[in-house]
Amino acid sequence: MSKSSEKAADRKRRTAARLAAVQTLYQMAITGTPAPRVISEFKELRLDGGAEDESFGPADPVFYERLAAGVASDLETVDRLIEGALTEDWSLDRLETIVRNILQSGAHELLSHGDVPAAVVISEYVDVAHAFFAEKEPGFINGVLDRIARTVRDDRSGAVDSGAEDA
């Protein structure tokens, strides 16, 4: 496998890990199940294709766990960041659960994973949003994550840069 195809495969595994982290957060929010239990279930049944109809494809299990467990442990901080980035006519409670979960995972990654450029993080979560929504939500998520990035990152990488490499 060439170096560029290895990089592309790594990006796909990280993308799948992001989607799985968002779905983990959703399951936690809906069922009230603690993070360690849901994370363990996802790793066992879904990340490696164990559940035929729910496989995300091959996901990076280490990156997945860092995201899902990280959001769960930093939830209060992450939610404050999101609240600060919302316009005055929006509140965290007003957001659809899956929108909130996408923002939580994206905000955590912007805050705690400085090795990934902000533009890449934003682009990845806009893509995750497109997996669930076809209307205005992806643009809304782009705007909120961009405001968070401008608050927590030195690289000040703003809105989506589709040519970004380091997913």
N, C-alpha and C. Protein backbone atom coordinates (compact mmCIF):
# COMPACT_ATOMS: atom_id res chain seq x y z
N MET A 1 0.85 -1.18 0.00
CA MET A 1 0.00 0.00 0.00
C MET A 1 0.89 1.24 0.00
N SER A 2 0.60 2.17 -0.87
CA SER A 2 1.40 3.39 -0.95
C SER A 2 1.15 4.27 0.26
N LYS A 3 2.07 5.20 0.47
CA LYS A 3 1.95 6.12 1.61
C LYS A 3 0.66 6.95 1.53
N SER A 4 0.30 7.39 0.32
CA SER A 4 -0.92 8.20 0.18
C SER A 4 -2.17 7.36 0.42
N SER A 5 -2.18 6.09 0.00
CA SER A 5 -3.35 5.26 0.26
C SER A 5 -3.43 4.87 1.74
N GLU A 6 -2.29 4.75 2.41
CA GLU A 6 -2.30 4.51 3.86
C GLU A 6 -2.89 5.71 4.58
N LYS A 7 -2.50 6.92 4.15
CA LYS A 7 -3.05 8.15 4.76
C LYS A 7 -4.55 8.24 4.54
N ALA A 8 -4.99 7.89 3.34
CA ALA A 8 -6.43 7.92 3.04
C ALA A 8 -7.18 6.91 3.91
N ALA A 9 -6.62 5.73 4.09
CA ALA A 9 -7.25 4.71 4.94
C ALA A 9 -7.31 5.18 6.39
N ASP A 10 -6.24 5.83 6.86
CA ASP A 10 -6.24 6.38 8.23
C ASP A 10 -7.32 7.44 8.39
N ARG A 11 -7.47 8.30 7.38
CA ARG A 11 -8.51 9.35 7.44
C ARG A 11 -9.90 8.72 7.51
N LYS A 12 -10.12 7.68 6.72
CA LYS A 12 -11.43 7.01 6.73
C LYS A 12 -11.71 6.38 8.10
N ARG A 13 -10.68 5.78 8.71
CA ARG A 13 -10.86 5.18 10.03
C ARG A 13 -11.17 6.24 11.08
N ARG A 14 -10.54 7.41 10.96
CA ARG A 14 -10.82 8.51 11.90
C ARG A 14 -12.22 9.08 11.66
N THR A 15 -12.62 9.18 10.41
CA THR A 15 -13.97 9.65 10.10
C THR A 15 -15.00 8.70 10.70
N ALA A 16 -14.79 7.40 10.53
CA ALA A 16 -15.70 6.41 11.11
C ALA A 16 -15.70 6.50 12.63
N ALA A 17 -14.55 6.78 13.23
CA ALA A 17 -14.47 6.94 14.69
C ALA A 17 -15.27 8.15 15.15
N ARG A 18 -15.22 9.23 14.40
CA ARG A 18 -16.00 10.43 14.75
C ARG A 18 -17.50 10.13 14.70
N LEU A 19 -17.94 9.47 13.65
CA LEU A 19 -19.35 9.12 13.53
C LEU A 19 -19.77 8.21 14.68
N ALA A 20 -18.94 7.23 15.00
CA ALA A 20 -19.25 6.32 16.11
C ALA A 20 -19.29 7.07 17.44
N ALA A 21 -18.39 8.03 17.64
CA ALA A 21 -18.39 8.82 18.88
C ALA A 21 -19.69 9.60 19.00
N VAL A 22 -20.14 10.21 17.91
CA VAL A 22 -21.40 10.97 17.94
C VAL A 22 -22.56 10.04 18.25
N GLN A 23 -22.58 8.87 17.64
CA GLN A 23 -23.67 7.93 17.91
C GLN A 23 -23.60 7.39 19.34
N THR A 24 -22.40 7.26 19.87
CA THR A 24 -22.24 6.87 21.27
C THR A 24 -22.85 7.92 22.19
N LEU A 25 -22.54 9.18 21.92
CA LEU A 25 -23.09 10.28 22.73
C LEU A 25 -24.61 10.30 22.64
N TYR A 26 -25.12 10.04 21.46
CA TYR A 26 -26.58 10.00 21.27
C TYR A 26 -27.19 8.88 22.12
N GLN A 27 -26.60 7.70 22.06
CA GLN A 27 -27.12 6.58 22.84
C GLN A 27 -27.07 6.90 24.33
N MET A 28 -25.99 7.51 24.78
CA MET A 28 -25.88 7.89 26.19
C MET A 28 -26.97 8.88 26.57
N ALA A 29 -27.21 9.86 25.71
CA ALA A 29 -28.21 10.90 26.00
C ALA A 29 -29.62 10.32 26.03
N ILE A 30 -29.92 9.43 25.12
CA ILE A 30 -31.27 8.88 25.00
C ILE A 30 -31.56 7.84 26.08
N THR A 31 -30.58 6.99 26.37
CA THR A 31 -30.82 5.88 27.31
C THR A 31 -30.35 6.17 28.73
N GLY A 32 -29.47 7.15 28.90
CA GLY A 32 -28.92 7.41 30.22
C GLY A 32 -27.87 6.39 30.64
N THR A 33 -27.41 5.58 29.71
CA THR A 33 -26.40 4.57 30.00
C THR A 33 -25.05 5.24 30.18
N PRO A 34 -24.27 4.83 31.20
CA PRO A 34 -22.95 5.44 31.43
C PRO A 34 -21.99 5.23 30.26
N ALA A 35 -21.10 6.20 30.09
CA ALA A 35 -20.15 6.20 28.97
C ALA A 35 -19.34 4.90 28.87
N PRO A 36 -18.73 4.41 29.95
CA PRO A 36 -17.90 3.20 29.79
C PRO A 36 -18.66 2.02 29.20
N ARG A 37 -19.91 1.86 29.59
CA ARG A 37 -20.69 0.74 29.08
C ARG A 37 -21.01 0.90 27.59
N VAL A 38 -21.42 2.10 27.19
CA VAL A 38 -21.75 2.34 25.78
C VAL A 38 -20.50 2.24 24.92
N ILE A 39 -19.39 2.80 25.39
CA ILE A 39 -18.13 2.74 24.64
C ILE A 39 -17.71 1.29 24.45
N SER A 40 -17.79 0.50 25.51
CA SER A 40 -17.43 -0.92 25.42
C SER A 40 -18.31 -1.64 24.40
N GLU A 41 -19.62 -1.36 24.44
CA GLU A 41 -20.54 -1.99 23.49
C GLU A 41 -20.20 -1.60 22.05
N PHE A 42 -19.94 -0.33 21.82
CA PHE A 42 -19.59 0.11 20.46
C PHE A 42 -18.31 -0.57 19.99
N LYS A 43 -17.31 -0.63 20.86
CA LYS A 43 -16.04 -1.25 20.46
C LYS A 43 -16.24 -2.73 20.14
N GLU A 44 -17.06 -3.40 20.92
CA GLU A 44 -17.26 -4.83 20.73
C GLU A 44 -18.16 -5.16 19.54
N LEU A 45 -19.22 -4.39 19.36
CA LEU A 45 -20.25 -4.76 18.39
C LEU A 45 -20.27 -3.97 17.10
N ARG A 46 -19.73 -2.75 17.11
CA ARG A 46 -19.97 -1.89 15.95
C ARG A 46 -18.72 -1.41 15.23
N LEU A 47 -17.65 -1.18 15.93
CA LEU A 47 -16.49 -0.58 15.28
C LEU A 47 -15.81 -1.49 14.28
N ASP A 48 -15.86 -2.78 14.52
CA ASP A 48 -15.15 -3.70 13.64
C ASP A 48 -16.06 -4.43 12.67
N GLY A 49 -17.30 -3.99 12.58
CA GLY A 49 -18.23 -4.64 11.66
C GLY A 49 -18.95 -5.82 12.27
N GLY A 50 -18.91 -5.97 13.61
CA GLY A 50 -19.56 -7.09 14.28
C GLY A 50 -21.07 -7.13 14.10
N ALA A 51 -21.70 -5.99 14.02
CA ALA A 51 -23.15 -5.94 13.79
C ALA A 51 -23.37 -5.56 12.34
N GLU A 52 -23.84 -6.51 11.55
CA GLU A 52 -23.94 -6.32 10.10
C GLU A 52 -24.57 -5.00 9.68
N ASP A 53 -25.73 -4.69 10.23
CA ASP A 53 -26.45 -3.51 9.76
C ASP A 53 -26.03 -2.22 10.46
N GLU A 54 -25.13 -2.29 11.43
CA GLU A 54 -24.74 -1.09 12.15
C GLU A 54 -23.25 -0.81 12.05
N SER A 55 -22.56 -1.48 11.19
CA SER A 55 -21.12 -1.28 11.07
C SER A 55 -20.80 0.08 10.46
N PHE A 56 -19.83 0.74 11.03
CA PHE A 56 -19.38 2.01 10.50
C PHE A 56 -18.21 1.80 9.55
N GLY A 57 -17.90 0.56 9.28
CA GLY A 57 -16.68 0.27 8.56
C GLY A 57 -15.56 0.28 9.57
N PRO A 58 -14.37 0.04 9.10
CA PRO A 58 -13.25 0.01 10.05
C PRO A 58 -13.00 1.39 10.65
N ALA A 59 -13.10 1.47 11.96
CA ALA A 59 -12.87 2.73 12.67
C ALA A 59 -11.59 2.60 13.49
N ASP A 60 -10.95 3.71 13.74
CA ASP A 60 -9.77 3.75 14.60
C ASP A 60 -10.27 3.65 16.05
N PRO A 61 -10.10 2.48 16.69
CA PRO A 61 -10.68 2.28 18.02
C PRO A 61 -10.05 3.16 19.10
N VAL A 62 -8.78 3.45 18.97
CA VAL A 62 -8.10 4.30 19.96
C VAL A 62 -8.61 5.73 19.85
N PHE A 63 -8.69 6.24 18.63
CA PHE A 63 -9.20 7.59 18.41
C PHE A 63 -10.66 7.68 18.85
N TYR A 64 -11.45 6.67 18.50
CA TYR A 64 -12.86 6.62 18.91
C TYR A 64 -12.98 6.74 20.43
N GLU A 65 -12.23 5.93 21.14
CA GLU A 65 -12.34 5.94 22.60
C GLU A 65 -11.87 7.27 23.19
N ARG A 66 -10.81 7.84 22.63
CA ARG A 66 -10.36 9.16 23.10
C ARG A 66 -11.45 10.20 22.92
N LEU A 67 -12.15 10.16 21.80
CA LEU A 67 -13.23 11.12 21.56
C LEU A 67 -14.41 10.89 22.49
N ALA A 68 -14.95 9.68 22.47
CA ALA A 68 -16.17 9.40 23.24
C ALA A 68 -15.94 9.57 24.74
N ALA A 69 -14.87 9.00 25.25
CA ALA A 69 -14.58 9.13 26.69
C ALA A 69 -14.21 10.56 27.04
N GLY A 70 -13.51 11.23 26.14
CA GLY A 70 -13.11 12.62 26.38
C GLY A 70 -14.30 13.55 26.48
N VAL A 71 -15.26 13.40 25.58
CA VAL A 71 -16.46 14.24 25.65
C VAL A 71 -17.20 13.95 26.96
N ALA A 72 -17.35 12.68 27.29
CA ALA A 72 -18.08 12.31 28.51
C ALA A 72 -17.43 12.91 29.75
N SER A 73 -16.10 12.91 29.81
CA SER A 73 -15.42 13.44 31.00
C SER A 73 -15.35 14.96 31.01
N ASP A 74 -15.39 15.60 29.85
CA ASP A 74 -15.30 17.06 29.76
C ASP A 74 -16.64 17.70 29.39
N LEU A 75 -17.73 17.01 29.60
CA LEU A 75 -19.03 17.46 29.10
C LEU A 75 -19.41 18.86 29.57
N GLU A 76 -19.16 19.17 30.82
CA GLU A 76 -19.52 20.49 31.34
C GLU A 76 -18.75 21.59 30.61
N THR A 77 -17.45 21.40 30.44
CA THR A 77 -16.62 22.38 29.73
C THR A 77 -17.06 22.51 28.27
N VAL A 78 -17.28 21.37 27.63
CA VAL A 78 -17.69 21.35 26.23
C VAL A 78 -19.04 22.06 26.05
N ASP A 79 -19.98 21.79 26.94
CA ASP A 79 -21.29 22.43 26.84
C ASP A 79 -21.19 23.94 27.06
N ARG A 80 -20.30 24.39 27.95
CA ARG A 80 -20.10 25.84 28.14
C ARG A 80 -19.55 26.47 26.87
N LEU A 81 -18.61 25.79 26.22
CA LEU A 81 -18.06 26.29 24.95
C LEU A 81 -19.16 26.44 23.90
N ILE A 82 -20.00 25.44 23.81
CA ILE A 82 -21.09 25.47 22.82
C ILE A 82 -22.06 26.60 23.16
N GLU A 83 -22.46 26.70 24.41
CA GLU A 83 -23.37 27.79 24.84
C GLU A 83 -22.80 29.14 24.45
N GLY A 84 -21.48 29.32 24.66
CA GLY A 84 -20.84 30.58 24.34
C GLY A 84 -20.79 30.88 22.85
N ALA A 85 -20.87 29.84 22.04
CA ALA A 85 -20.79 30.01 20.58
C ALA A 85 -22.16 30.14 19.93
N LEU A 86 -23.21 29.85 20.68
CA LEU A 86 -24.56 29.96 20.13
C LEU A 86 -25.01 31.41 20.14
N THR A 87 -25.83 31.78 19.18
CA THR A 87 -26.40 33.13 19.19
C THR A 87 -27.43 33.21 20.31
N GLU A 88 -27.79 34.43 20.68
CA GLU A 88 -28.66 34.61 21.85
C GLU A 88 -30.04 33.98 21.70
N ASP A 89 -30.49 33.73 20.48
CA ASP A 89 -31.80 33.10 20.31
C ASP A 89 -31.74 31.57 20.37
N TRP A 90 -30.57 31.01 20.62
CA TRP A 90 -30.40 29.57 20.75
C TRP A 90 -29.86 29.24 22.14
N SER A 91 -30.24 28.06 22.64
CA SER A 91 -29.66 27.53 23.87
C SER A 91 -29.36 26.06 23.63
N LEU A 92 -28.52 25.51 24.47
CA LEU A 92 -28.15 24.10 24.34
C LEU A 92 -29.39 23.21 24.42
N ASP A 93 -30.30 23.54 25.31
CA ASP A 93 -31.51 22.74 25.49
C ASP A 93 -32.43 22.76 24.27
N ARG A 94 -32.32 23.80 23.47
CA ARG A 94 -33.18 23.94 22.30
C ARG A 94 -32.69 23.09 21.12
N LEU A 95 -31.44 22.68 21.14
CA LEU A 95 -30.86 21.91 20.04
C LEU A 95 -31.41 20.49 20.01
N GLU A 96 -31.58 19.95 18.81
CA GLU A 96 -31.91 18.53 18.68
C GLU A 96 -30.76 17.74 19.29
N THR A 97 -31.07 16.59 19.86
CA THR A 97 -30.06 15.79 20.55
C THR A 97 -28.87 15.49 19.65
N ILE A 98 -29.11 15.05 18.43
CA ILE A 98 -27.99 14.67 17.55
C ILE A 98 -27.16 15.89 17.16
N VAL A 99 -27.78 17.04 16.99
CA VAL A 99 -27.03 18.27 16.70
C VAL A 99 -26.13 18.60 17.89
N ARG A 100 -26.69 18.51 19.09
CA ARG A 100 -25.91 18.76 20.30
C ARG A 100 -24.74 17.78 20.39
N ASN A 101 -24.99 16.51 20.08
CA ASN A 101 -23.93 15.50 20.16
C ASN A 101 -22.82 15.75 19.15
N ILE A 102 -23.18 16.16 17.94
CA ILE A 102 -22.17 16.49 16.93
C ILE A 102 -21.33 17.67 17.41
N LEU A 103 -21.99 18.69 17.95
CA LEU A 103 -21.26 19.86 18.46
C LEU A 103 -20.39 19.49 19.66
N GLN A 104 -20.87 18.61 20.53
CA GLN A 104 -20.08 18.20 21.69
C GLN A 104 -18.81 17.49 21.26
N SER A 105 -18.92 16.56 20.34
CA SER A 105 -17.74 15.84 19.88
C SER A 105 -16.78 16.77 19.14
N GLY A 106 -17.32 17.62 18.27
CA GLY A 106 -16.48 18.57 17.55
C GLY A 106 -15.79 19.56 18.47
N ALA A 107 -16.53 20.09 19.45
CA ALA A 107 -15.95 21.05 20.40
C ALA A 107 -14.86 20.39 21.23
N HIS A 108 -15.11 19.16 21.66
CA HIS A 108 -14.08 18.44 22.43
C HIS A 108 -12.82 18.24 21.59
N GLU A 109 -13.00 17.84 20.34
CA GLU A 109 -11.83 17.62 19.48
C GLU A 109 -11.07 18.92 19.25
N LEU A 110 -11.77 20.01 19.05
CA LEU A 110 -11.10 21.31 18.88
C LEU A 110 -10.33 21.68 20.14
N LEU A 111 -10.89 21.39 21.28
CA LEU A 111 -10.28 21.75 22.55
C LEU A 111 -9.11 20.84 22.92
N SER A 112 -9.24 19.56 22.68
CA SER A 112 -8.30 18.58 23.23
C SER A 112 -7.40 17.87 22.22
N HIS A 113 -7.64 18.05 20.95
CA HIS A 113 -6.85 17.34 19.93
C HIS A 113 -6.19 18.36 19.01
N GLY A 114 -5.26 19.11 19.57
CA GLY A 114 -4.59 20.16 18.83
C GLY A 114 -3.76 19.68 17.66
N ASP A 115 -3.54 18.37 17.56
CA ASP A 115 -2.76 17.82 16.45
C ASP A 115 -3.54 17.83 15.14
N VAL A 116 -4.86 17.99 15.22
CA VAL A 116 -5.70 18.02 14.02
C VAL A 116 -6.08 19.48 13.76
N PRO A 117 -5.77 20.00 12.57
CA PRO A 117 -6.11 21.40 12.27
C PRO A 117 -7.61 21.67 12.45
N ALA A 118 -7.92 22.86 12.93
CA ALA A 118 -9.32 23.22 13.19
C ALA A 118 -10.19 23.06 11.94
N ALA A 119 -9.68 23.47 10.79
CA ALA A 119 -10.47 23.36 9.56
C ALA A 119 -10.82 21.91 9.25
N VAL A 120 -9.92 20.99 9.57
CA VAL A 120 -10.19 19.57 9.34
C VAL A 120 -11.28 19.09 10.29
N VAL A 121 -11.16 19.47 11.57
CA VAL A 121 -12.17 19.07 12.56
C VAL A 121 -13.55 19.57 12.12
N ILE A 122 -13.63 20.83 11.75
CA ILE A 122 -14.91 21.42 11.34
C ILE A 122 -15.46 20.68 10.12
N SER A 123 -14.63 20.46 9.13
CA SER A 123 -15.06 19.77 7.91
C SER A 123 -15.57 18.37 8.22
N GLU A 124 -14.86 17.66 9.08
CA GLU A 124 -15.26 16.30 9.44
C GLU A 124 -16.64 16.27 10.10
N TYR A 125 -16.89 17.20 11.01
CA TYR A 125 -18.18 17.20 11.70
C TYR A 125 -19.31 17.74 10.83
N VAL A 126 -18.99 18.58 9.88
CA VAL A 126 -20.00 18.98 8.90
C VAL A 126 -20.38 17.75 8.07
N ASP A 127 -19.39 16.93 7.71
CA ASP A 127 -19.68 15.69 6.99
C ASP A 127 -20.52 14.74 7.83
N VAL A 128 -20.21 14.63 9.13
CA VAL A 128 -21.03 13.81 10.03
C VAL A 128 -22.46 14.33 10.03
N ALA A 129 -22.61 15.65 10.10
CA ALA A 129 -23.96 16.25 10.09
C ALA A 129 -24.71 15.88 8.82
N HIS A 130 -24.01 15.84 7.69
CA HIS A 130 -24.65 15.47 6.42
C HIS A 130 -25.14 14.02 6.44
N ALA A 131 -24.58 13.18 7.30
CA ALA A 131 -25.05 11.80 7.43
C ALA A 131 -26.44 11.75 8.06
N PHE A 132 -26.82 12.81 8.77
CA PHE A 132 -28.11 12.85 9.47
C PHE A 132 -29.08 13.87 8.90
N PHE A 133 -28.56 14.92 8.28
CA PHE A 133 -29.40 16.05 7.87
C PHE A 133 -29.09 16.49 6.44
N ALA A 134 -30.11 16.96 5.75
CA ALA A 134 -29.91 17.48 4.39
C ALA A 134 -30.21 18.97 4.33
N GLU A 135 -30.73 19.53 5.39
CA GLU A 135 -31.18 20.92 5.36
C GLU A 135 -30.14 21.88 5.94
N LYS A 136 -30.55 22.69 6.89
CA LYS A 136 -29.72 23.78 7.42
C LYS A 136 -28.74 23.35 8.51
N GLU A 137 -28.94 22.19 9.10
CA GLU A 137 -28.15 21.80 10.25
C GLU A 137 -26.65 21.75 9.99
N PRO A 138 -26.18 21.18 8.84
CA PRO A 138 -24.73 21.17 8.61
C PRO A 138 -24.13 22.58 8.61
N GLY A 139 -24.81 23.55 8.02
CA GLY A 139 -24.32 24.93 8.02
C GLY A 139 -24.30 25.52 9.42
N PHE A 140 -25.33 25.21 10.20
CA PHE A 140 -25.41 25.66 11.58
C PHE A 140 -24.23 25.10 12.38
N ILE A 141 -23.97 23.81 12.22
CA ILE A 141 -22.86 23.15 12.91
C ILE A 141 -21.53 23.76 12.48
N ASN A 142 -21.37 24.02 11.19
CA ASN A 142 -20.16 24.67 10.68
C ASN A 142 -19.94 26.01 11.40
N GLY A 143 -20.98 26.82 11.49
CA GLY A 143 -20.86 28.14 12.11
C GLY A 143 -20.51 28.07 13.59
N VAL A 144 -21.17 27.18 14.32
CA VAL A 144 -20.90 27.06 15.76
C VAL A 144 -19.49 26.54 16.00
N LEU A 145 -19.08 25.50 15.27
CA LEU A 145 -17.72 24.97 15.46
C LEU A 145 -16.67 25.99 15.04
N ASP A 146 -16.95 26.79 14.02
CA ASP A 146 -16.02 27.84 13.62
C ASP A 146 -15.83 28.85 14.75
N ARG A 147 -16.93 29.25 15.40
CA ARG A 147 -16.82 30.20 16.52
C ARG A 147 -16.04 29.58 17.68
N ILE A 148 -16.27 28.30 17.94
CA ILE A 148 -15.53 27.63 19.01
C ILE A 148 -14.05 27.57 18.66
N ALA A 149 -13.73 27.23 17.41
CA ALA A 149 -12.32 27.16 16.98
C ALA A 149 -11.63 28.50 17.17
N ARG A 150 -12.30 29.57 16.86
CA ARG A 150 -11.71 30.91 17.01
C ARG A 150 -11.47 31.25 18.48
N THR A 151 -12.21 30.60 19.37
CA THR A 151 -12.05 30.82 20.80
C THR A 151 -10.91 29.98 21.38
N VAL A 152 -10.78 28.72 20.95
CA VAL A 152 -9.86 27.79 21.62
C VAL A 152 -8.59 27.47 20.85
N ARG A 153 -8.48 27.89 19.62
CA ARG A 153 -7.33 27.51 18.80
C ARG A 153 -6.49 28.70 18.39
N ASP A 154 -5.17 28.48 18.36
CA ASP A 154 -4.25 29.49 17.85
C ASP A 154 -4.22 29.49 16.33
N ASP A 155 -4.48 28.32 15.72
CA ASP A 155 -4.37 28.25 14.26
C ASP A 155 -5.49 29.01 13.57
N ARG A 156 -6.51 29.39 14.30
CA ARG A 156 -7.59 30.24 13.79
C ARG A 156 -8.15 29.74 12.47
N SER A 157 -8.01 28.45 12.24
CA SER A 157 -8.54 27.90 10.99
C SER A 157 -10.04 27.94 11.05
N GLY A 158 -10.61 28.72 10.20
CA GLY A 158 -12.04 28.93 10.24
C GLY A 158 -12.83 27.90 9.50
N ALA A 159 -13.75 28.34 8.71
CA ALA A 159 -14.72 27.48 8.06
C ALA A 159 -14.06 26.42 7.19
N VAL A 160 -14.86 25.55 6.72
CA VAL A 160 -14.43 24.33 6.04
C VAL A 160 -13.40 24.58 4.94
N ASP A 161 -12.34 23.77 5.00
CA ASP A 161 -11.31 23.75 3.96
C ASP A 161 -11.30 22.33 3.41
N SER A 162 -11.96 22.12 2.30
CA SER A 162 -12.13 20.77 1.78
C SER A 162 -10.82 20.13 1.34
N GLY A 163 -9.77 20.89 1.20
CA GLY A 163 -8.50 20.32 0.78
C GLY A 163 -7.62 19.91 1.94
N ALA A 164 -8.12 19.98 3.16
CA ALA A 164 -7.31 19.66 4.33
C ALA A 164 -6.93 18.18 4.32
N GLU A 165 -5.73 17.90 4.79
CA GLU A 165 -5.18 16.55 4.68
C GLU A 165 -5.21 15.73 5.96
N ASP A 166 -5.11 16.34 7.13
CA ASP A 166 -4.81 15.61 8.35
C ASP A 166 -6.02 15.15 9.14
N ALA A 167 -6.99 14.54 8.49
CA ALA A 167 -8.19 14.09 9.19
C ALA A 167 -7.81 13.05 10.21
